[in-house]
Amino acid sequence: MVFGNYKNDIMVLMKVQKKKKVTTEDLAGMVQWGFSEAAKRTDVLDIKVDSLSGRVDSLHTELAEFKKETQENFDHVHARLGTIERDVKDVVHKDEFEDLMARVKYLEKKMGIESGK
């Protein structure tokens, strides 16, 4: 409701006015006062809505910046993974290396060559 606690104020005014006869001018004054109070409340609500709108705009900007920064970071990570993938492609795996070392040791033994180790 727009009036909030102002409804009670109007009721108090009407009770005070009961002792004398309420004229149309009195009634018009009460209605004008009620509309004036409603306008004040509307002004306050407008200010609050404007403030919230500004905060939402600010959050929207922050979110857009965060999204851009996150995308840039993921692009960097993706590029680094590509580089690592290319570097690892030429690396001999441990089990393959151990197999080759065993073969070299066997050949050295058969040929009577002393190990370089």
PDB file of N, CA and C in Angstrom:
ATOM      1  N   MET A   1       0.839  -1.182   0.000  1.00  0.00           N
ATOM      2  CA  MET A   1       0.000   0.000   0.000  1.00  0.00           C
ATOM      3  C   MET A   1       0.880   1.240   0.000  1.00  0.00           C
ATOM      4  N   VAL A   2       0.515   2.222  -0.729  1.00  0.00           N
ATOM      5  CA  VAL A   2       1.315   3.429  -0.900  1.00  0.00           C
ATOM      6  C   VAL A   2       1.365   4.241   0.373  1.00  0.00           C
ATOM      7  N   PHE A   3       0.266   4.318   1.111  1.00  0.00           N
ATOM      8  CA  PHE A   3       0.196   5.218   2.260  1.00  0.00           C
ATOM      9  C   PHE A   3       0.977   4.711   3.465  1.00  0.00           C
ATOM     10  N   GLY A   4       1.141   3.392   3.615  1.00  0.00           N
ATOM     11  CA  GLY A   4       1.878   2.856   4.763  1.00  0.00           C
ATOM     12  C   GLY A   4       1.182   3.248   6.066  1.00  0.00           C
ATOM     13  N   ASN A   5       1.892   3.921   6.989  1.00  0.00           N
ATOM     14  CA  ASN A   5       1.348   4.344   8.275  1.00  0.00           C
ATOM     15  C   ASN A   5       0.517   5.613   8.177  1.00  0.00           C
ATOM     16  N   TYR A   6       0.465   6.205   7.010  1.00  0.00           N
ATOM     17  CA  TYR A   6      -0.285   7.454   6.836  1.00  0.00           C
ATOM     18  C   TYR A   6      -1.782   7.220   6.960  1.00  0.00           C
ATOM     19  N   LYS A   7      -2.214   5.988   6.752  1.00  0.00           N
ATOM     20  CA  LYS A   7      -3.634   5.667   6.918  1.00  0.00           C
ATOM     21  C   LYS A   7      -4.049   5.958   8.356  1.00  0.00           C
ATOM     22  N   ASN A   8      -3.193   5.594   9.307  1.00  0.00           N
ATOM     23  CA  ASN A   8      -3.489   5.866  10.718  1.00  0.00           C
ATOM     24  C   ASN A   8      -3.560   7.370  10.977  1.00  0.00           C
ATOM     25  N   ASP A   9      -2.674   8.140  10.352  1.00  0.00           N
ATOM     26  CA  ASP A   9      -2.684   9.596  10.514  1.00  0.00           C
ATOM     27  C   ASP A   9      -3.983  10.193   9.994  1.00  0.00           C
ATOM     28  N   ILE A  10      -4.466   9.689   8.890  1.00  0.00           N
ATOM     29  CA  ILE A  10      -5.725  10.185   8.337  1.00  0.00           C
ATOM     30  C   ILE A  10      -6.875   9.853   9.286  1.00  0.00           C
ATOM     31  N   MET A  11      -6.838   8.643   9.853  1.00  0.00           N
ATOM     32  CA  MET A  11      -7.899   8.243  10.797  1.00  0.00           C
ATOM     33  C   MET A  11      -7.900   9.152  12.021  1.00  0.00           C
ATOM     34  N   VAL A  12      -6.705   9.512  12.506  1.00  0.00           N
ATOM     35  CA  VAL A  12      -6.608  10.416  13.662  1.00  0.00           C
ATOM     36  C   VAL A  12      -7.195  11.774  13.300  1.00  0.00           C
ATOM     37  N   LEU A  13      -6.858  12.280  12.131  1.00  0.00           N
ATOM     38  CA  LEU A  13      -7.405  13.559  11.679  1.00  0.00           C
ATOM     39  C   LEU A  13      -8.918  13.506  11.577  1.00  0.00           C
ATOM     40  N   MET A  14      -9.434  12.395  11.096  1.00  0.00           N
ATOM     41  CA  MET A  14     -10.884  12.272  10.951  1.00  0.00           C
ATOM     42  C   MET A  14     -11.565  12.240  12.309  1.00  0.00           C
ATOM     43  N   LYS A  15     -10.937  11.587  13.314  1.00  0.00           N
ATOM     44  CA  LYS A  15     -11.520  11.549  14.658  1.00  0.00           C
ATOM     45  C   LYS A  15     -11.546  12.939  15.271  1.00  0.00           C
ATOM     46  N   VAL A  16     -10.448  13.692  15.066  1.00  0.00           N
ATOM     47  CA  VAL A  16     -10.391  15.059  15.580  1.00  0.00           C
ATOM     48  C   VAL A  16     -11.479  15.890  14.899  1.00  0.00           C
ATOM     49  N   GLN A  17     -11.684  15.647  13.627  1.00  0.00           N
ATOM     50  CA  GLN A  17     -12.658  16.398  12.853  1.00  0.00           C
ATOM     51  C   GLN A  17     -14.096  15.989  13.198  1.00  0.00           C
ATOM     52  N   LYS A  18     -14.304  14.833  13.856  1.00  0.00           N
ATOM     53  CA  LYS A  18     -15.646  14.370  14.183  1.00  0.00           C
ATOM     54  C   LYS A  18     -16.383  15.360  15.076  1.00  0.00           C
ATOM     55  N   LYS A  19     -15.669  16.018  15.921  1.00  0.00           N
ATOM     56  CA  LYS A  19     -16.301  16.945  16.845  1.00  0.00           C
ATOM     57  C   LYS A  19     -16.964  18.097  16.110  1.00  0.00           C
ATOM     58  N   LYS A  20     -16.422  18.433  14.961  1.00  0.00           N
ATOM     59  CA  LYS A  20     -17.071  19.451  14.155  1.00  0.00           C
ATOM     60  C   LYS A  20     -17.477  18.817  12.840  1.00  0.00           C
ATOM     61  N   LYS A  21     -18.350  19.391  12.161  1.00  0.00           N
ATOM     62  CA  LYS A  21     -18.834  18.857  10.908  1.00  0.00           C
ATOM     63  C   LYS A  21     -17.746  19.006   9.843  1.00  0.00           C
ATOM     64  N   VAL A  22     -17.479  17.912   9.105  1.00  0.00           N
ATOM     65  CA  VAL A  22     -16.454  17.916   8.075  1.00  0.00           C
ATOM     66  C   VAL A  22     -17.055  18.518   6.811  1.00  0.00           C
ATOM     67  N   THR A  23     -16.403  19.565   6.359  1.00  0.00           N
ATOM     68  CA  THR A  23     -16.866  20.219   5.138  1.00  0.00           C
ATOM     69  C   THR A  23     -16.143  19.617   3.949  1.00  0.00           C
ATOM     70  N   THR A  24     -16.606  19.932   2.760  1.00  0.00           N
ATOM     71  CA  THR A  24     -15.927  19.441   1.569  1.00  0.00           C
ATOM     72  C   THR A  24     -14.526  20.011   1.476  1.00  0.00           C
ATOM     73  N   GLU A  25     -14.341  21.259   1.982  1.00  0.00           N
ATOM     74  CA  GLU A  25     -13.001  21.837   1.999  1.00  0.00           C
ATOM     75  C   GLU A  25     -12.081  21.038   2.926  1.00  0.00           C
ATOM     76  N   ASP A  26     -12.621  20.632   4.091  1.00  0.00           N
ATOM     77  CA  ASP A  26     -11.839  19.814   5.026  1.00  0.00           C
ATOM     78  C   ASP A  26     -11.453  18.482   4.374  1.00  0.00           C
ATOM     79  N   LEU A  27     -12.443  17.872   3.761  1.00  0.00           N
ATOM     80  CA  LEU A  27     -12.215  16.599   3.102  1.00  0.00           C
ATOM     81  C   LEU A  27     -11.193  16.754   1.964  1.00  0.00           C
ATOM     82  N   ALA A  28     -11.325  17.840   1.207  1.00  0.00           N
ATOM     83  CA  ALA A  28     -10.382  18.103   0.131  1.00  0.00           C
ATOM     84  C   ALA A  28      -8.975  18.286   0.697  1.00  0.00           C
ATOM     85  N   GLY A  29      -8.868  18.968   1.833  1.00  0.00           N
ATOM     86  CA  GLY A  29      -7.564  19.153   2.479  1.00  0.00           C
ATOM     87  C   GLY A  29      -6.958  17.822   2.911  1.00  0.00           C
ATOM     88  N   MET A  30      -7.792  16.943   3.474  1.00  0.00           N
ATOM     89  CA  MET A  30      -7.303  15.626   3.903  1.00  0.00           C
ATOM     90  C   MET A  30      -6.839  14.807   2.696  1.00  0.00           C
ATOM     91  N   VAL A  31      -7.602  14.853   1.621  1.00  0.00           N
ATOM     92  CA  VAL A  31      -7.230  14.113   0.413  1.00  0.00           C
ATOM     93  C   VAL A  31      -5.946  14.676  -0.168  1.00  0.00           C
ATOM     94  N   GLN A  32      -5.851  16.024  -0.182  1.00  0.00           N
ATOM     95  CA  GLN A  32      -4.633  16.663  -0.706  1.00  0.00           C
ATOM     96  C   GLN A  32      -3.429  16.268   0.137  1.00  0.00           C
ATOM     97  N   TRP A  33      -3.613  16.267   1.461  1.00  0.00           N
ATOM     98  CA  TRP A  33      -2.530  15.875   2.359  1.00  0.00           C
ATOM     99  C   TRP A  33      -2.126  14.421   2.077  1.00  0.00           C
ATOM    100  N   GLY A  34      -3.107  13.547   1.885  1.00  0.00           N
ATOM    101  CA  GLY A  34      -2.820  12.134   1.601  1.00  0.00           C
ATOM    102  C   GLY A  34      -2.044  11.969   0.304  1.00  0.00           C
ATOM    103  N   PHE A  35      -2.453  12.706  -0.728  1.00  0.00           N
ATOM    104  CA  PHE A  35      -1.731  12.630  -1.999  1.00  0.00           C
ATOM    105  C   PHE A  35      -0.324  13.207  -1.873  1.00  0.00           C
ATOM    106  N   SER A  36      -0.184  14.260  -1.084  1.00  0.00           N
ATOM    107  CA  SER A  36       1.129  14.859  -0.872  1.00  0.00           C
ATOM    108  C   SER A  36       2.062  13.864  -0.197  1.00  0.00           C
ATOM    109  N   GLU A  37       1.578  13.173   0.812  1.00  0.00           N
ATOM    110  CA  GLU A  37       2.382  12.163   1.519  1.00  0.00           C
ATOM    111  C   GLU A  37       2.721  10.995   0.583  1.00  0.00           C
ATOM    112  N   ALA A  38       1.752  10.601  -0.251  1.00  0.00           N
ATOM    113  CA  ALA A  38       1.999   9.520  -1.209  1.00  0.00           C
ATOM    114  C   ALA A  38       3.076   9.938  -2.210  1.00  0.00           C
ATOM    115  N   ALA A  39       3.035  11.195  -2.631  1.00  0.00           N
ATOM    116  CA  ALA A  39       4.040  11.698  -3.579  1.00  0.00           C
ATOM    117  C   ALA A  39       5.426  11.673  -2.947  1.00  0.00           C
ATOM    118  N   LYS A  40       5.491  12.033  -1.647  1.00  0.00           N
ATOM    119  CA  LYS A  40       6.794  11.988  -0.955  1.00  0.00           C
ATOM    120  C   LYS A  40       7.330  10.564  -0.942  1.00  0.00           C
ATOM    121  N   ARG A  41       6.447   9.603  -0.657  1.00  0.00           N
ATOM    122  CA  ARG A  41       6.868   8.199  -0.615  1.00  0.00           C
ATOM    123  C   ARG A  41       7.294   7.724  -2.006  1.00  0.00           C
ATOM    124  N   THR A  42       6.583   8.181  -3.013  1.00  0.00           N
ATOM    125  CA  THR A  42       6.936   7.812  -4.381  1.00  0.00           C
ATOM    126  C   THR A  42       8.303   8.376  -4.740  1.00  0.00           C
ATOM    127  N   ASP A  43       8.580   9.618  -4.306  1.00  0.00           N
ATOM    128  CA  ASP A  43       9.896  10.214  -4.564  1.00  0.00           C
ATOM    129  C   ASP A  43      11.004   9.386  -3.919  1.00  0.00           C
ATOM    130  N   VAL A  44      10.757   8.957  -2.688  1.00  0.00           N
ATOM    131  CA  VAL A  44      11.739   8.128  -1.984  1.00  0.00           C
ATOM    132  C   VAL A  44      11.937   6.811  -2.735  1.00  0.00           C
ATOM    133  N   LEU A  45      10.843   6.209  -3.187  1.00  0.00           N
ATOM    134  CA  LEU A  45      10.950   4.956  -3.941  1.00  0.00           C
ATOM    135  C   LEU A  45      11.705   5.166  -5.251  1.00  0.00           C
ATOM    136  N   ASP A  46      11.463   6.292  -5.918  1.00  0.00           N
ATOM    137  CA  ASP A  46      12.193   6.590  -7.152  1.00  0.00           C
ATOM    138  C   ASP A  46      13.684   6.678  -6.897  1.00  0.00           C
ATOM    139  N   ILE A  47      14.070   7.322  -5.809  1.00  0.00           N
ATOM    140  CA  ILE A  47      15.490   7.451  -5.461  1.00  0.00           C
ATOM    141  C   ILE A  47      16.090   6.070  -5.205  1.00  0.00           C
ATOM    142  N   LYS A  48      15.346   5.231  -4.478  1.00  0.00           N
ATOM    143  CA  LYS A  48      15.845   3.884  -4.185  1.00  0.00           C
ATOM    144  C   LYS A  48      15.959   3.048  -5.451  1.00  0.00           C
ATOM    145  N   VAL A  49      14.988   3.169  -6.347  1.00  0.00           N
ATOM    146  CA  VAL A  49      15.042   2.420  -7.601  1.00  0.00           C
ATOM    147  C   VAL A  49      16.229   2.895  -8.439  1.00  0.00           C
ATOM    148  N   ASP A  50      16.451   4.213  -8.493  1.00  0.00           N
ATOM    149  CA  ASP A  50      17.596   4.739  -9.237  1.00  0.00           C
ATOM    150  C   ASP A  50      18.908   4.213  -8.661  1.00  0.00           C
ATOM    151  N   SER A  51      18.975   4.164  -7.325  1.00  0.00           N
ATOM    152  CA  SER A  51      20.178   3.658  -6.668  1.00  0.00           C
ATOM    153  C   SER A  51      20.400   2.185  -7.013  1.00  0.00           C
ATOM    154  N   LEU A  52      19.330   1.402  -6.948  1.00  0.00           N
ATOM    155  CA  LEU A  52      19.435  -0.023  -7.291  1.00  0.00           C
ATOM    156  C   LEU A  52      19.820  -0.202  -8.752  1.00  0.00           C
ATOM    157  N   SER A  53      19.277   0.619  -9.600  1.00  0.00           N
ATOM    158  CA  SER A  53      19.601   0.538 -11.029  1.00  0.00           C
ATOM    159  C   SER A  53      21.093   0.783 -11.248  1.00  0.00           C
ATOM    160  N   GLY A  54      21.637   1.765 -10.544  1.00  0.00           N
ATOM    161  CA  GLY A  54      23.072   2.050 -10.641  1.00  0.00           C
ATOM    162  C   GLY A  54      23.906   0.889 -10.145  1.00  0.00           C
ATOM    163  N   ARG A  55      23.458   0.267  -9.058  1.00  0.00           N
ATOM    164  CA  ARG A  55      24.195  -0.873  -8.517  1.00  0.00           C
ATOM    165  C   ARG A  55      24.143  -2.065  -9.473  1.00  0.00           C
ATOM    166  N   VAL A  56      22.995  -2.278 -10.086  1.00  0.00           N
ATOM    167  CA  VAL A  56      22.867  -3.369 -11.050  1.00  0.00           C
ATOM    168  C   VAL A  56      23.774  -3.106 -12.255  1.00  0.00           C
ATOM    169  N   ASP A  57      23.803  -1.862 -12.725  1.00  0.00           N
ATOM    170  CA  ASP A  57      24.696  -1.514 -13.835  1.00  0.00           C
ATOM    171  C   ASP A  57      26.153  -1.778 -13.463  1.00  0.00           C
ATOM    172  N   SER A  58      26.519  -1.421 -12.242  1.00  0.00           N
ATOM    173  CA  SER A  58      27.887  -1.633 -11.767  1.00  0.00           C
ATOM    174  C   SER A  58      28.213  -3.130 -11.723  1.00  0.00           C
ATOM    175  N   LEU A  59      27.270  -3.919 -11.213  1.00  0.00           N
ATOM    176  CA  LEU A  59      27.487  -5.372 -11.162  1.00  0.00           C
ATOM    177  C   LEU A  59      27.592  -5.954 -12.567  1.00  0.00           C
ATOM    178  N   HIS A  60      26.795  -5.436 -13.477  1.00  0.00           N
ATOM    179  CA  HIS A  60      26.848  -5.902 -14.864  1.00  0.00           C
ATOM    180  C   HIS A  60      28.230  -5.622 -15.461  1.00  0.00           C
ATOM    181  N   THR A  61      28.761  -4.446 -15.199  1.00  0.00           N
ATOM    182  CA  THR A  61      30.088  -4.081 -15.697  1.00  0.00           C
ATOM    183  C   THR A  61      31.162  -4.985 -15.087  1.00  0.00           C
ATOM    184  N   GLU A  62      31.078  -5.188 -13.779  1.00  0.00           N
ATOM    185  CA  GLU A  62      32.052  -6.053 -13.101  1.00  0.00           C
ATOM    186  C   GLU A  62      31.991  -7.475 -13.647  1.00  0.00           C
ATOM    187  N   LEU A  63      30.786  -7.974 -13.879  1.00  0.00           N
ATOM    188  CA  LEU A  63      30.629  -9.329 -14.395  1.00  0.00           C
ATOM    189  C   LEU A  63      31.214  -9.445 -15.804  1.00  0.00           C
ATOM    190  N   ALA A  64      30.989  -8.432 -16.629  1.00  0.00           N
ATOM    191  CA  ALA A  64      31.545  -8.438 -17.988  1.00  0.00           C
ATOM    192  C   ALA A  64      33.073  -8.440 -17.935  1.00  0.00           C
ATOM    193  N   GLU A  65      33.662  -7.638 -17.035  1.00  0.00           N
ATOM    194  CA  GLU A  65      35.119  -7.602 -16.889  1.00  0.00           C
ATOM    195  C   GLU A  65      35.642  -8.947 -16.407  1.00  0.00           C
ATOM    196  N   PHE A  66      34.936  -9.547 -15.439  1.00  0.00           N
ATOM    197  CA  PHE A  66      35.338 -10.855 -14.908  1.00  0.00           C
ATOM    198  C   PHE A  66      35.274 -11.913 -16.010  1.00  0.00           C
ATOM    199  N   LYS A  67      34.222 -11.869 -16.813  1.00  0.00           N
ATOM    200  CA  LYS A  67      34.075 -12.836 -17.905  1.00  0.00           C
ATOM    201  C   LYS A  67      35.216 -12.677 -18.908  1.00  0.00           C
ATOM    202  N   LYS A  68      35.561 -11.437 -19.256  1.00  0.00           N
ATOM    203  CA  LYS A  68      36.644 -11.182 -20.211  1.00  0.00           C
ATOM    204  C   LYS A  68      37.971 -11.689 -19.653  1.00  0.00           C
ATOM    205  N   GLU A  69      38.236 -11.358 -18.384  1.00  0.00           N
ATOM    206  CA  GLU A  69      39.493 -11.774 -17.750  1.00  0.00           C
ATOM    207  C   GLU A  69      39.581 -13.297 -17.667  1.00  0.00           C
ATOM    208  N   THR A  70      38.479 -13.945 -17.320  1.00  0.00           N
ATOM    209  CA  THR A  70      38.453 -15.399 -17.222  1.00  0.00           C
ATOM    210  C   THR A  70      38.707 -16.028 -18.589  1.00  0.00           C
ATOM    211  N   GLN A  71      38.076 -15.469 -19.623  1.00  0.00           N
ATOM    212  CA  GLN A  71      38.283 -15.998 -20.981  1.00  0.00           C
ATOM    213  C   GLN A  71      39.745 -15.849 -21.404  1.00  0.00           C
ATOM    214  N   GLU A  72      40.342 -14.691 -21.094  1.00  0.00           N
ATOM    215  CA  GLU A  72      41.749 -14.473 -21.436  1.00  0.00           C
ATOM    216  C   GLU A  72      42.639 -15.478 -20.715  1.00  0.00           C
ATOM    217  N   ASN A  73      42.335 -15.728 -19.426  1.00  0.00           N
ATOM    218  CA  ASN A  73      43.131 -16.694 -18.666  1.00  0.00           C
ATOM    219  C   ASN A  73      42.985 -18.106 -19.235  1.00  0.00           C
ATOM    220  N   PHE A  74      41.756 -18.480 -19.616  1.00  0.00           N
ATOM    221  CA  PHE A  74      41.562 -19.807 -20.213  1.00  0.00           C
ATOM    222  C   PHE A  74      42.275 -19.903 -21.557  1.00  0.00           C
ATOM    223  N   ASP A  75      42.267 -18.832 -22.331  1.00  0.00           N
ATOM    224  CA  ASP A  75      43.003 -18.835 -23.604  1.00  0.00           C
ATOM    225  C   ASP A  75      44.492 -19.062 -23.357  1.00  0.00           C
ATOM    226  N   HIS A  76      45.023 -18.408 -22.312  1.00  0.00           N
ATOM    227  CA  HIS A  76      46.444 -18.572 -21.967  1.00  0.00           C
ATOM    228  C   HIS A  76      46.728 -20.016 -21.538  1.00  0.00           C
ATOM    229  N   VAL A  77      45.882 -20.573 -20.702  1.00  0.00           N
ATOM    230  CA  VAL A  77      46.071 -21.954 -20.239  1.00  0.00           C
ATOM    231  C   VAL A  77      45.997 -22.904 -21.429  1.00  0.00           C
ATOM    232  N   HIS A  78      45.054 -22.672 -22.317  1.00  0.00           N
ATOM    233  CA  HIS A  78      44.913 -23.528 -23.495  1.00  0.00           C
ATOM    234  C   HIS A  78      46.178 -23.470 -24.361  1.00  0.00           C
ATOM    235  N   ALA A  79      46.710 -22.281 -24.541  1.00  0.00           N
ATOM    236  CA  ALA A  79      47.947 -22.125 -25.328  1.00  0.00           C
ATOM    237  C   ALA A  79      49.105 -22.856 -24.654  1.00  0.00           C
ATOM    238  N   ARG A  80      49.221 -22.719 -23.329  1.00  0.00           N
ATOM    239  CA  ARG A  80      50.300 -23.400 -22.598  1.00  0.00           C
ATOM    240  C   ARG A  80      50.151 -24.916 -22.714  1.00  0.00           C
ATOM    241  N   LEU A  81      48.926 -25.421 -22.632  1.00  0.00           N
ATOM    242  CA  LEU A  81      48.723 -26.866 -22.762  1.00  0.00           C
ATOM    243  C   LEU A  81      49.132 -27.349 -24.150  1.00  0.00           C
ATOM    244  N   GLY A  82      48.871 -26.536 -25.168  1.00  0.00           N
ATOM    245  CA  GLY A  82      49.304 -26.892 -26.522  1.00  0.00           C
ATOM    246  C   GLY A  82      50.811 -26.992 -26.609  1.00  0.00           C
ATOM    247  N   THR A  83      51.502 -26.038 -25.977  1.00  0.00           N
ATOM    248  CA  THR A  83      52.965 -26.051 -25.972  1.00  0.00           C
ATOM    249  C   THR A  83      53.486 -27.277 -25.228  1.00  0.00           C
ATOM    250  N   ILE A  84      52.918 -27.552 -24.080  1.00  0.00           N
ATOM    251  CA  ILE A  84      53.335 -28.721 -23.282  1.00  0.00           C
ATOM    252  C   ILE A  84      53.076 -30.005 -24.063  1.00  0.00           C
ATOM    253  N   GLU A  85      51.946 -30.077 -24.725  1.00  0.00           N
ATOM    254  CA  GLU A  85      51.611 -31.263 -25.516  1.00  0.00           C
ATOM    255  C   GLU A  85      52.653 -31.496 -26.619  1.00  0.00           C
ATOM    256  N   ARG A  86      53.059 -30.431 -27.306  1.00  0.00           N
ATOM    257  CA  ARG A  86      54.089 -30.563 -28.353  1.00  0.00           C
ATOM    258  C   ARG A  86      55.428 -30.987 -27.744  1.00  0.00           C
ATOM    259  N   ASP A  87      55.776 -30.425 -26.584  1.00  0.00           N
ATOM    260  CA  ASP A  87      57.055 -30.757 -25.941  1.00  0.00           C
ATOM    261  C   ASP A  87      57.085 -32.205 -25.472  1.00  0.00           C
ATOM    262  N   VAL A  88      55.983 -32.697 -24.953  1.00  0.00           N
ATOM    263  CA  VAL A  88      55.919 -34.050 -24.394  1.00  0.00           C
ATOM    264  C   VAL A  88      55.873 -35.099 -25.500  1.00  0.00           C
ATOM    265  N   LYS A  89      55.424 -34.712 -26.668  1.00  0.00           N
ATOM    266  CA  LYS A  89      55.284 -35.657 -27.785  1.00  0.00           C
ATOM    267  C   LYS A  89      56.616 -36.333 -28.104  1.00  0.00           C
ATOM    268  N   ASP A  90      57.730 -35.619 -27.976  1.00  0.00           N
ATOM    269  CA  ASP A  90      59.051 -36.148 -28.322  1.00  0.00           C
ATOM    270  C   ASP A  90      59.777 -36.774 -27.137  1.00  0.00           C
ATOM    271  N   VAL A  91      59.170 -36.817 -25.982  1.00  0.00           N
ATOM    272  CA  VAL A  91      59.805 -37.359 -24.782  1.00  0.00           C
ATOM    273  C   VAL A  91      59.590 -38.872 -24.744  1.00  0.00           C
ATOM    274  N   VAL A  92      60.660 -39.614 -24.388  1.00  0.00           N
ATOM    275  CA  VAL A  92      60.581 -41.068 -24.257  1.00  0.00           C
ATOM    276  C   VAL A  92      59.960 -41.383 -22.900  1.00  0.00           C
ATOM    277  N   HIS A  93      58.992 -42.273 -22.920  1.00  0.00           N
ATOM    278  CA  HIS A  93      58.339 -42.658 -21.666  1.00  0.00           C
ATOM    279  C   HIS A  93      59.272 -43.521 -20.815  1.00  0.00           C
ATOM    280  N   LYS A  94      59.046 -43.517 -19.537  1.00  0.00           N
ATOM    281  CA  LYS A  94      59.922 -44.205 -18.586  1.00  0.00           C
ATOM    282  C   LYS A  94      60.049 -45.691 -18.892  1.00  0.00           C
ATOM    283  N   ASP A  95      58.947 -46.351 -19.158  1.00  0.00           N
ATOM    284  CA  ASP A  95      59.019 -47.796 -19.414  1.00  0.00           C
ATOM    285  C   ASP A  95      59.796 -48.110 -20.700  1.00  0.00           C
ATOM    286  N   GLU A  96      59.647 -47.231 -21.693  1.00  0.00           N
ATOM    287  CA  GLU A  96      60.423 -47.420 -22.921  1.00  0.00           C
ATOM    288  C   GLU A  96      61.911 -47.215 -22.653  1.00  0.00           C
ATOM    289  N   PHE A  97      62.242 -46.215 -21.848  1.00  0.00           N
ATOM    290  CA  PHE A  97      63.635 -45.926 -21.510  1.00  0.00           C
ATOM    291  C   PHE A  97      64.254 -47.096 -20.747  1.00  0.00           C
ATOM    292  N   GLU A  98      63.520 -47.621 -19.765  1.00  0.00           N
ATOM    293  CA  GLU A  98      64.037 -48.750 -18.982  1.00  0.00           C
ATOM    294  C   GLU A  98      64.244 -49.978 -19.857  1.00  0.00           C
ATOM    295  N   ASP A  99      63.333 -50.192 -20.812  1.00  0.00           N
ATOM    296  CA  ASP A  99      63.470 -51.321 -21.736  1.00  0.00           C
ATOM    297  C   ASP A  99      64.745 -51.167 -22.570  1.00  0.00           C
ATOM    298  N   LEU A 100      64.977 -49.953 -23.100  1.00  0.00           N
ATOM    299  CA  LEU A 100      66.187 -49.703 -23.891  1.00  0.00           C
ATOM    300  C   LEU A 100      67.454 -49.867 -23.048  1.00  0.00           C
ATOM    301  N   MET A 101      67.443 -49.403 -21.813  1.00  0.00           N
ATOM    302  CA  MET A 101      68.608 -49.534 -20.933  1.00  0.00           C
ATOM    303  C   MET A 101      68.917 -51.011 -20.672  1.00  0.00           C
ATOM    304  N   ALA A 102      67.872 -51.809 -20.506  1.00  0.00           N
ATOM    305  CA  ALA A 102      68.075 -53.251 -20.286  1.00  0.00           C
ATOM    306  C   ALA A 102      68.695 -53.893 -21.524  1.00  0.00           C
ATOM    307  N   ARG A 103      68.238 -53.489 -22.706  1.00  0.00           N
ATOM    308  CA  ARG A 103      68.792 -54.034 -23.955  1.00  0.00           C
ATOM    309  C   ARG A 103      70.253 -53.632 -24.133  1.00  0.00           C
ATOM    310  N   VAL A 104      70.576 -52.373 -23.868  1.00  0.00           N
ATOM    311  CA  VAL A 104      71.961 -51.899 -23.989  1.00  0.00           C
ATOM    312  C   VAL A 104      72.844 -52.674 -23.014  1.00  0.00           C
ATOM    313  N   LYS A 105      72.377 -52.852 -21.787  1.00  0.00           N
ATOM    314  CA  LYS A 105      73.148 -53.589 -20.776  1.00  0.00           C
ATOM    315  C   LYS A 105      73.396 -55.021 -21.257  1.00  0.00           C
ATOM    316  N   TYR A 106      72.380 -55.650 -21.833  1.00  0.00           N
ATOM    317  CA  TYR A 106      72.514 -57.016 -22.348  1.00  0.00           C
ATOM    318  C   TYR A 106      73.558 -57.068 -23.469  1.00  0.00           C
ATOM    319  N   LEU A 107      73.485 -56.112 -24.409  1.00  0.00           N
ATOM    320  CA  LEU A 107      74.440 -56.073 -25.518  1.00  0.00           C
ATOM    321  C   LEU A 107      75.870 -55.821 -25.014  1.00  0.00           C
ATOM    322  N   GLU A 108      76.001 -54.889 -24.033  1.00  0.00           N
ATOM    323  CA  GLU A 108      77.324 -54.621 -23.477  1.00  0.00           C
ATOM    324  C   GLU A 108      77.907 -55.885 -22.843  1.00  0.00           C
ATOM    325  N   LYS A 109      77.080 -56.632 -22.140  1.00  0.00           N
ATOM    326  CA  LYS A 109      77.529 -57.852 -21.471  1.00  0.00           C
ATOM    327  C   LYS A 109      77.964 -58.890 -22.496  1.00  0.00           C
ATOM    328  N   LYS A 110      77.165 -59.056 -23.557  1.00  0.00           N
ATOM    329  CA  LYS A 110      77.449 -60.045 -24.591  1.00  0.00           C
ATOM    330  C   LYS A 110      78.733 -59.718 -25.347  1.00  0.00           C
ATOM    331  N   MET A 111      78.971 -58.411 -25.540  1.00  0.00           N
ATOM    332  CA  MET A 111      80.142 -57.996 -26.306  1.00  0.00           C
ATOM    333  C   MET A 111      81.349 -57.753 -25.432  1.00  0.00           C
ATOM    334  N   GLY A 112      81.147 -57.857 -24.122  1.00  0.00           N
ATOM    335  CA  GLY A 112      82.271 -57.692 -23.198  1.00  0.00           C
ATOM    336  C   GLY A 112      82.674 -56.240 -23.035  1.00  0.00           C
ATOM    337  N   ILE A 113      81.730 -55.342 -23.250  1.00  0.00           N
ATOM    338  CA  ILE A 113      82.009 -53.904 -23.122  1.00  0.00           C
ATOM    339  C   ILE A 113      81.655 -53.493 -21.692  1.00  0.00           C
ATOM    340  N   GLU A 114      82.563 -52.724 -21.090  1.00  0.00           N
ATOM    341  CA  GLU A 114      82.287 -52.238 -19.746  1.00  0.00           C
ATOM    342  C   GLU A 114      81.275 -51.095 -19.834  1.00  0.00           C
ATOM    343  N   SER A 115      80.319 -51.074 -18.953  1.00  0.00           N
ATOM    344  CA  SER A 115      79.242 -50.067 -18.953  1.00  0.00           C
ATOM    345  C   SER A 115      79.808 -48.679 -18.737  1.00  0.00           C
ATOM    346  N   GLY A 116      79.203 -47.706 -19.385  1.00  0.00           N
ATOM    347  CA  GLY A 116      79.640 -46.331 -19.241  1.00  0.00           C
ATOM    348  C   GLY A 116      79.195 -45.715 -17.928  1.00  0.00           C
ATOM    349  N   LYS A 117      78.416 -46.420 -17.181  1.00  0.00           N
ATOM    350  CA  LYS A 117      77.947 -45.885 -15.901  1.00  0.00           C
ATOM    351  C   LYS A 117      78.938 -46.048 -14.818  1.00  0.00           C
TER     352      LYS A 117
END
